[in-house]
Amino acid sequence: TPSIQGKRLSEITQESLYLAIKMVKPGVRL
């Protein structure tokens, strides 16, 4: 069972990856 902080950090980091992936398409800049 993770700590509340550890779980939250992990979830937000995954959300940041998903947010970035959804932006990827030709013409977008890094």
PDB file of all heavy atoms in Angstrom:
ATOM      1  N   THR A   1       0.846  -1.197   0.000  1.00  0.00           N
ATOM      2  CA  THR A   1       0.000   0.000   0.000  1.00  0.00           C
ATOM      3  C   THR A   1       0.877   1.240   0.000  1.00  0.00           C
ATOM      4  O   THR A   1       1.639   1.469   0.939  1.00  0.00           O
ATOM      5  CB  THR A   1      -0.902   0.021   1.247  1.00  0.00           C
ATOM      6  OG1 THR A   1      -1.657  -1.194   1.296  1.00  0.00           O
ATOM      7  CG2 THR A   1      -1.854   1.204   1.196  1.00  0.00           C
ATOM      8  N   PRO A   2       0.800   2.055  -1.063  1.00  0.00           N
ATOM      9  CA  PRO A   2       1.663   3.238  -1.125  1.00  0.00           C
ATOM     10  C   PRO A   2       1.172   4.332  -0.184  1.00  0.00           C
ATOM     11  O   PRO A   2       0.010   4.328   0.242  1.00  0.00           O
ATOM     12  CB  PRO A   2       1.523   3.689  -2.578  1.00  0.00           C
ATOM     13  CG  PRO A   2       0.130   3.281  -2.948  1.00  0.00           C
ATOM     14  CD  PRO A   2      -0.111   1.975  -2.225  1.00  0.00           C
ATOM     15  N   SER A   3       2.057   5.258   0.151  1.00  0.00           N
ATOM     16  CA  SER A   3       1.645   6.444   0.898  1.00  0.00           C
ATOM     17  C   SER A   3       0.752   7.300   0.001  1.00  0.00           C
ATOM     18  O   SER A   3       0.781   7.180  -1.237  1.00  0.00           O
ATOM     19  CB  SER A   3       2.865   7.253   1.329  1.00  0.00           C
ATOM     20  OG  SER A   3       3.520   7.804   0.188  1.00  0.00           O
ATOM     21  N   ILE A   4      -0.030   8.160   0.605  1.00  0.00           N
ATOM     22  CA  ILE A   4      -0.873   9.075  -0.169  1.00  0.00           C
ATOM     23  C   ILE A   4       0.006   9.928  -1.077  1.00  0.00           C
ATOM     24  O   ILE A   4      -0.310  10.140  -2.258  1.00  0.00           O
ATOM     25  CB  ILE A   4      -1.709   9.964   0.777  1.00  0.00           C
ATOM     26  CG1 ILE A   4      -2.740   9.106   1.515  1.00  0.00           C
ATOM     27  CG2 ILE A   4      -2.406  11.084   0.002  1.00  0.00           C
ATOM     28  CD1 ILE A   4      -3.470   9.823   2.633  1.00  0.00           C
ATOM     29  N   GLN A   5       1.135  10.401  -0.555  1.00  0.00           N
ATOM     30  CA  GLN A   5       2.036  11.242  -1.348  1.00  0.00           C
ATOM     31  C   GLN A   5       2.632  10.469  -2.522  1.00  0.00           C
ATOM     32  O   GLN A   5       2.699  10.976  -3.647  1.00  0.00           O
ATOM     33  CB  GLN A   5       3.166  11.784  -0.460  1.00  0.00           C
ATOM     34  CG  GLN A   5       4.081  12.760  -1.205  1.00  0.00           C
ATOM     35  CD  GLN A   5       5.368  13.041  -0.442  1.00  0.00           C
ATOM     36  OE1 GLN A   5       5.965  12.146   0.138  1.00  0.00           O
ATOM     37  NE2 GLN A   5       5.794  14.296  -0.454  1.00  0.00           N
ATOM     38  N   GLY A   6       3.063   9.232  -2.262  1.00  0.00           N
ATOM     39  CA  GLY A   6       3.672   8.439  -3.329  1.00  0.00           C
ATOM     40  C   GLY A   6       2.688   8.127  -4.438  1.00  0.00           C
ATOM     41  O   GLY A   6       3.027   8.195  -5.625  1.00  0.00           O
ATOM     42  N   LYS A   7       1.462   7.793  -4.061  1.00  0.00           N
ATOM     43  CA  LYS A   7       0.428   7.472  -5.048  1.00  0.00           C
ATOM     44  C   LYS A   7       0.078   8.712  -5.865  1.00  0.00           C
ATOM     45  O   LYS A   7      -0.045   8.642  -7.097  1.00  0.00           O
ATOM     46  CB  LYS A   7      -0.806   6.920  -4.339  1.00  0.00           C
ATOM     47  CG  LYS A   7      -1.898   6.391  -5.262  1.00  0.00           C
ATOM     48  CD  LYS A   7      -2.952   5.646  -4.436  1.00  0.00           C
ATOM     49  CE  LYS A   7      -3.975   4.977  -5.345  1.00  0.00           C
ATOM     50  NZ  LYS A   7      -4.920   5.931  -5.931  1.00  0.00           N
ATOM     51  N   ARG A   8      -0.067   9.835  -5.192  1.00  0.00           N
ATOM     52  CA  ARG A   8      -0.424  11.083  -5.875  1.00  0.00           C
ATOM     53  C   ARG A   8       0.671  11.496  -6.860  1.00  0.00           C
ATOM     54  O   ARG A   8       0.386  11.873  -8.005  1.00  0.00           O
ATOM     55  CB  ARG A   8      -0.636  12.192  -4.833  1.00  0.00           C
ATOM     56  CG  ARG A   8      -1.084  13.520  -5.415  1.00  0.00           C
ATOM     57  CD  ARG A   8      -2.533  13.473  -5.782  1.00  0.00           C
ATOM     58  NE  ARG A   8      -3.033  14.784  -6.146  1.00  0.00           N
ATOM     59  CZ  ARG A   8      -3.875  14.986  -7.145  1.00  0.00           C
ATOM     60  NH1 ARG A   8      -4.292  13.978  -7.875  1.00  0.00           N
ATOM     61  NH2 ARG A   8      -4.322  16.190  -7.421  1.00  0.00           N
ATOM     62  N   LEU A   9       1.914  11.440  -6.425  1.00  0.00           N
ATOM     63  CA  LEU A   9       3.027  11.804  -7.298  1.00  0.00           C
ATOM     64  C   LEU A   9       3.075  10.912  -8.529  1.00  0.00           C
ATOM     65  O   LEU A   9       3.254  11.388  -9.655  1.00  0.00           O
ATOM     66  CB  LEU A   9       4.350  11.693  -6.525  1.00  0.00           C
ATOM     67  CG  LEU A   9       5.620  11.943  -7.329  1.00  0.00           C
ATOM     68  CD1 LEU A   9       5.702  13.385  -7.810  1.00  0.00           C
ATOM     69  CD2 LEU A   9       6.857  11.574  -6.504  1.00  0.00           C
ATOM     70  N   SER A  10       2.888   9.625  -8.321  1.00  0.00           N
ATOM     71  CA  SER A  10       2.904   8.680  -9.435  1.00  0.00           C
ATOM     72  C   SER A  10       1.781   8.974 -10.429  1.00  0.00           C
ATOM     73  O   SER A  10       1.993   8.995 -11.646  1.00  0.00           O
ATOM     74  CB  SER A  10       2.782   7.246  -8.910  1.00  0.00           C
ATOM     75  OG  SER A  10       2.749   6.325  -9.968  1.00  0.00           O
ATOM     76  N   GLU A  11       0.593   9.233  -9.902  1.00  0.00           N
ATOM     77  CA  GLU A  11      -0.560   9.496 -10.767  1.00  0.00           C
ATOM     78  C   GLU A  11      -0.378  10.785 -11.569  1.00  0.00           C
ATOM     79  O   GLU A  11      -0.690  10.823 -12.773  1.00  0.00           O
ATOM     80  CB  GLU A  11      -1.836   9.577  -9.926  1.00  0.00           C
ATOM     81  CG  GLU A  11      -2.282   8.233  -9.374  1.00  0.00           C
ATOM     82  CD  GLU A  11      -3.432   8.335  -8.392  1.00  0.00           C
ATOM     83  OE1 GLU A  11      -3.765   9.466  -7.943  1.00  0.00           O
ATOM     84  OE2 GLU A  11      -4.016   7.287  -8.060  1.00  0.00           O
ATOM     85  N   ILE A  12       0.102  11.828 -10.918  1.00  0.00           N
ATOM     86  CA  ILE A  12       0.292  13.105 -11.615  1.00  0.00           C
ATOM     87  C   ILE A  12       1.374  12.968 -12.693  1.00  0.00           C
ATOM     88  O   ILE A  12       1.254  13.529 -13.789  1.00  0.00           O
ATOM     89  CB  ILE A  12       0.665  14.221 -10.620  1.00  0.00           C
ATOM     90  CG1 ILE A  12      -0.509  14.503  -9.662  1.00  0.00           C
ATOM     91  CG2 ILE A  12       1.092  15.501 -11.346  1.00  0.00           C
ATOM     92  CD1 ILE A  12      -1.794  14.925 -10.351  1.00  0.00           C
ATOM     93  N   THR A  13       2.422  12.202 -12.404  1.00  0.00           N
ATOM     94  CA  THR A  13       3.483  12.001 -13.388  1.00  0.00           C
ATOM     95  C   THR A  13       2.953  11.254 -14.607  1.00  0.00           C
ATOM     96  O   THR A  13       3.263  11.607 -15.756  1.00  0.00           O
ATOM     97  CB  THR A  13       4.665  11.234 -12.753  1.00  0.00           C
ATOM     98  OG1 THR A  13       5.107  11.941 -11.591  1.00  0.00           O
ATOM     99  CG2 THR A  13       5.820  11.123 -13.729  1.00  0.00           C
ATOM    100  N   GLN A  14       2.121  10.234 -14.379  1.00  0.00           N
ATOM    101  CA  GLN A  14       1.520   9.519 -15.498  1.00  0.00           C
ATOM    102  C   GLN A  14       0.587  10.446 -16.291  1.00  0.00           C
ATOM    103  O   GLN A  14       0.589  10.417 -17.532  1.00  0.00           O
ATOM    104  CB  GLN A  14       0.748   8.297 -15.015  1.00  0.00           C
ATOM    105  CG  GLN A  14       0.191   7.461 -16.180  1.00  0.00           C
ATOM    106  CD  GLN A  14      -0.575   6.242 -15.702  1.00  0.00           C
ATOM    107  OE1 GLN A  14      -1.244   6.291 -14.668  1.00  0.00           O
ATOM    108  NE2 GLN A  14      -0.483   5.159 -16.444  1.00  0.00           N
ATOM    109  N   GLU A  15      -0.163  11.275 -15.588  1.00  0.00           N
ATOM    110  CA  GLU A  15      -1.049  12.215 -16.280  1.00  0.00           C
ATOM    111  C   GLU A  15      -0.241  13.194 -17.139  1.00  0.00           C
ATOM    112  O   GLU A  15      -0.686  13.574 -18.228  1.00  0.00           O
ATOM    113  CB  GLU A  15      -1.904  12.983 -15.269  1.00  0.00           C
ATOM    114  CG  GLU A  15      -3.041  12.170 -14.680  1.00  0.00           C
ATOM    115  CD  GLU A  15      -3.861  12.972 -13.675  1.00  0.00           C
ATOM    116  OE1 GLU A  15      -4.106  14.170 -13.930  1.00  0.00           O
ATOM    117  OE2 GLU A  15      -4.249  12.404 -12.632  1.00  0.00           O
ATOM    118  N   SER A  16       0.927  13.593 -16.648  1.00  0.00           N
ATOM    119  CA  SER A  16       1.761  14.514 -17.438  1.00  0.00           C
ATOM    120  C   SER A  16       2.255  13.840 -18.708  1.00  0.00           C
ATOM    121  O   SER A  16       2.341  14.473 -19.765  1.00  0.00           O
ATOM    122  CB  SER A  16       2.940  15.035 -16.605  1.00  0.00           C
ATOM    123  OG  SER A  16       3.967  14.087 -16.455  1.00  0.00           O
ATOM    124  N   LEU A  17       2.567  12.544 -18.619  1.00  0.00           N
ATOM    125  CA  LEU A  17       2.968  11.793 -19.817  1.00  0.00           C
ATOM    126  C   LEU A  17       1.803  11.697 -20.798  1.00  0.00           C
ATOM    127  O   LEU A  17       1.961  11.948 -22.006  1.00  0.00           O
ATOM    128  CB  LEU A  17       3.439  10.397 -19.423  1.00  0.00           C
ATOM    129  CG  LEU A  17       3.704   9.424 -20.582  1.00  0.00           C
ATOM    130  CD1 LEU A  17       4.801   9.938 -21.502  1.00  0.00           C
ATOM    131  CD2 LEU A  17       4.047   8.032 -20.057  1.00  0.00           C
ATOM    132  N   TYR A  18       0.631  11.344 -20.302  1.00  0.00           N
ATOM    133  CA  TYR A  18      -0.544  11.221 -21.180  1.00  0.00           C
ATOM    134  C   TYR A  18      -0.878  12.561 -21.848  1.00  0.00           C
ATOM    135  O   TYR A  18      -1.212  12.606 -23.039  1.00  0.00           O
ATOM    136  CB  TYR A  18      -1.746  10.728 -20.376  1.00  0.00           C
ATOM    137  CG  TYR A  18      -1.747   9.248 -20.042  1.00  0.00           C
ATOM    138  CD1 TYR A  18      -2.754   8.705 -19.258  1.00  0.00           C
ATOM    139  CD2 TYR A  18      -0.743   8.390 -20.498  1.00  0.00           C
ATOM    140  CE1 TYR A  18      -2.786   7.349 -18.948  1.00  0.00           C
ATOM    141  CE2 TYR A  18      -0.765   7.037 -20.192  1.00  0.00           C
ATOM    142  CZ  TYR A  18      -1.780   6.522 -19.421  1.00  0.00           C
ATOM    143  OH  TYR A  18      -1.814   5.179 -19.116  1.00  0.00           O
ATOM    144  N   LEU A  19      -0.796  13.627 -21.084  1.00  0.00           N
ATOM    145  CA  LEU A  19      -1.044  14.973 -21.618  1.00  0.00           C
ATOM    146  C   LEU A  19      -0.106  15.243 -22.797  1.00  0.00           C
ATOM    147  O   LEU A  19      -0.521  15.755 -23.848  1.00  0.00           O
ATOM    148  CB  LEU A  19      -0.817  15.993 -20.512  1.00  0.00           C
ATOM    149  CG  LEU A  19      -0.871  17.474 -20.870  1.00  0.00           C
ATOM    150  CD1 LEU A  19      -2.303  17.956 -20.886  1.00  0.00           C
ATOM    151  CD2 LEU A  19      -0.056  18.305 -19.877  1.00  0.00           C
ATOM    152  N   ALA A  20       1.163  14.891 -22.619  1.00  0.00           N
ATOM    153  CA  ALA A  20       2.161  15.115 -23.667  1.00  0.00           C
ATOM    154  C   ALA A  20       1.902  14.240 -24.891  1.00  0.00           C
ATOM    155  O   ALA A  20       1.975  14.710 -26.032  1.00  0.00           O
ATOM    156  CB  ALA A  20       3.561  14.850 -23.110  1.00  0.00           C
ATOM    157  N   ILE A  21       1.594  12.973 -24.643  1.00  0.00           N
ATOM    158  CA  ILE A  21       1.359  12.050 -25.762  1.00  0.00           C
ATOM    159  C   ILE A  21       0.207  12.540 -26.632  1.00  0.00           C
ATOM    160  O   ILE A  21       0.270  12.487 -27.871  1.00  0.00           O
ATOM    161  CB  ILE A  21       1.069  10.630 -25.233  1.00  0.00           C
ATOM    162  CG1 ILE A  21       2.346  10.009 -24.638  1.00  0.00           C
ATOM    163  CG2 ILE A  21       0.521   9.729 -26.348  1.00  0.00           C
ATOM    164  CD1 ILE A  21       2.122   8.690 -23.924  1.00  0.00           C
ATOM    165  N   LYS A  22      -0.848  13.047 -25.989  1.00  0.00           N
ATOM    166  CA  LYS A  22      -2.026  13.496 -26.739  1.00  0.00           C
ATOM    167  C   LYS A  22      -1.732  14.709 -27.620  1.00  0.00           C
ATOM    168  O   LYS A  22      -2.498  15.015 -28.533  1.00  0.00           O
ATOM    169  CB  LYS A  22      -3.169  13.815 -25.765  1.00  0.00           C
ATOM    170  CG  LYS A  22      -3.765  12.566 -25.128  1.00  0.00           C
ATOM    171  CD  LYS A  22      -4.767  12.912 -24.026  1.00  0.00           C
ATOM    172  CE  LYS A  22      -5.297  11.654 -23.356  1.00  0.00           C
ATOM    173  NZ  LYS A  22      -6.170  11.953 -22.200  1.00  0.00           N
ATOM    174  N   MET A  23      -0.601  15.387 -27.370  1.00  0.00           N
ATOM    175  CA  MET A  23      -0.221  16.546 -28.187  1.00  0.00           C
ATOM    176  C   MET A  23       0.549  16.151 -29.444  1.00  0.00           C
ATOM    177  O   MET A  23       0.671  16.946 -30.374  1.00  0.00           O
ATOM    178  CB  MET A  23       0.666  17.486 -27.363  1.00  0.00           C
ATOM    179  CG  MET A  23      -0.017  18.134 -26.190  1.00  0.00           C
ATOM    180  SD  MET A  23       1.148  19.068 -25.178  1.00  0.00           S
ATOM    181  CE  MET A  23       1.663  20.359 -26.331  1.00  0.00           C
ATOM    182  N   VAL A  24       1.096  14.930 -29.456  1.00  0.00           N
ATOM    183  CA  VAL A  24       2.033  14.543 -30.514  1.00  0.00           C
ATOM    184  C   VAL A  24       1.334  14.388 -31.857  1.00  0.00           C
ATOM    185  O   VAL A  24       0.380  13.623 -31.999  1.00  0.00           O
ATOM    186  CB  VAL A  24       2.761  13.236 -30.130  1.00  0.00           C
ATOM    187  CG1 VAL A  24       3.618  12.736 -31.292  1.00  0.00           C
ATOM    188  CG2 VAL A  24       3.620  13.440 -28.885  1.00  0.00           C
ATOM    189  N   LYS A  25       1.812  15.135 -32.832  1.00  0.00           N
ATOM    190  CA  LYS A  25       1.368  15.034 -34.216  1.00  0.00           C
ATOM    191  C   LYS A  25       2.333  15.861 -35.060  1.00  0.00           C
ATOM    192  O   LYS A  25       3.079  16.691 -34.532  1.00  0.00           O
ATOM    193  CB  LYS A  25      -0.067  15.549 -34.384  1.00  0.00           C
ATOM    194  CG  LYS A  25      -0.255  17.026 -34.062  1.00  0.00           C
ATOM    195  CD  LYS A  25      -1.703  17.452 -34.294  1.00  0.00           C
ATOM    196  CE  LYS A  25      -1.888  18.938 -33.981  1.00  0.00           C
ATOM    197  NZ  LYS A  25      -3.273  19.376 -34.231  1.00  0.00           N
ATOM    198  N   PRO A  26       2.354  15.650 -36.384  1.00  0.00           N
ATOM    199  CA  PRO A  26       3.248  16.446 -37.225  1.00  0.00           C
ATOM    200  C   PRO A  26       2.975  17.942 -37.060  1.00  0.00           C
ATOM    201  O   PRO A  26       1.825  18.366 -36.939  1.00  0.00           O
ATOM    202  CB  PRO A  26       2.892  15.975 -38.640  1.00  0.00           C
ATOM    203  CG  PRO A  26       2.384  14.582 -38.457  1.00  0.00           C
ATOM    204  CD  PRO A  26       1.636  14.611 -37.156  1.00  0.00           C
ATOM    205  N   GLY A  27       4.055  18.717 -37.003  1.00  0.00           N
ATOM    206  CA  GLY A  27       3.940  20.170 -36.900  1.00  0.00           C
ATOM    207  C   GLY A  27       4.082  20.715 -35.492  1.00  0.00           C
ATOM    208  O   GLY A  27       4.370  21.902 -35.310  1.00  0.00           O
ATOM    209  N   VAL A  28       3.871  19.853 -34.491  1.00  0.00           N
ATOM    210  CA  VAL A  28       4.054  20.282 -33.101  1.00  0.00           C
ATOM    211  C   VAL A  28       5.547  20.382 -32.811  1.00  0.00           C
ATOM    212  O   VAL A  28       6.350  19.616 -33.337  1.00  0.00           O
ATOM    213  CB  VAL A  28       3.366  19.288 -32.140  1.00  0.00           C
ATOM    214  CG1 VAL A  28       3.756  19.536 -30.695  1.00  0.00           C
ATOM    215  CG2 VAL A  28       1.856  19.362 -32.294  1.00  0.00           C
ATOM    216  N   ARG A  29       5.931  21.336 -31.976  1.00  0.00           N
ATOM    217  CA  ARG A  29       7.341  21.477 -31.602  1.00  0.00           C
ATOM    218  C   ARG A  29       7.608  20.800 -30.252  1.00  0.00           C
ATOM    219  O   ARG A  29       6.730  20.764 -29.385  1.00  0.00           O
ATOM    220  CB  ARG A  29       7.721  22.961 -31.514  1.00  0.00           C
ATOM    221  CG  ARG A  29       7.807  23.646 -32.867  1.00  0.00           C
ATOM    222  CD  ARG A  29       8.201  25.100 -32.700  1.00  0.00           C
ATOM    223  NE  ARG A  29       8.415  25.753 -33.978  1.00  0.00           N
ATOM    224  CZ  ARG A  29       9.582  25.786 -34.629  1.00  0.00           C
ATOM    225  NH1 ARG A  29      10.646  25.202 -34.102  1.00  0.00           N
ATOM    226  NH2 ARG A  29       9.692  26.393 -35.794  1.00  0.00           N
ATOM    227  N   LEU A  30       8.818  20.334 -30.091  1.00  0.00           N
ATOM    228  CA  LEU A  30       9.176  19.681 -28.836  1.00  0.00           C
ATOM    229  C   LEU A  30       9.056  20.637 -27.645  1.00  0.00           C
ATOM    230  O   LEU A  30       8.725  20.214 -26.540  1.00  0.00           O
ATOM    231  CB  LEU A  30      10.591  19.097 -28.915  1.00  0.00           C
ATOM    232  CG  LEU A  30      10.712  17.824 -29.763  1.00  0.00           C
ATOM    233  CD1 LEU A  30      12.168  17.399 -29.875  1.00  0.00           C
ATOM    234  CD2 LEU A  30       9.877  16.692 -29.176  1.00  0.00           C
TER     235      LEU A  30
END
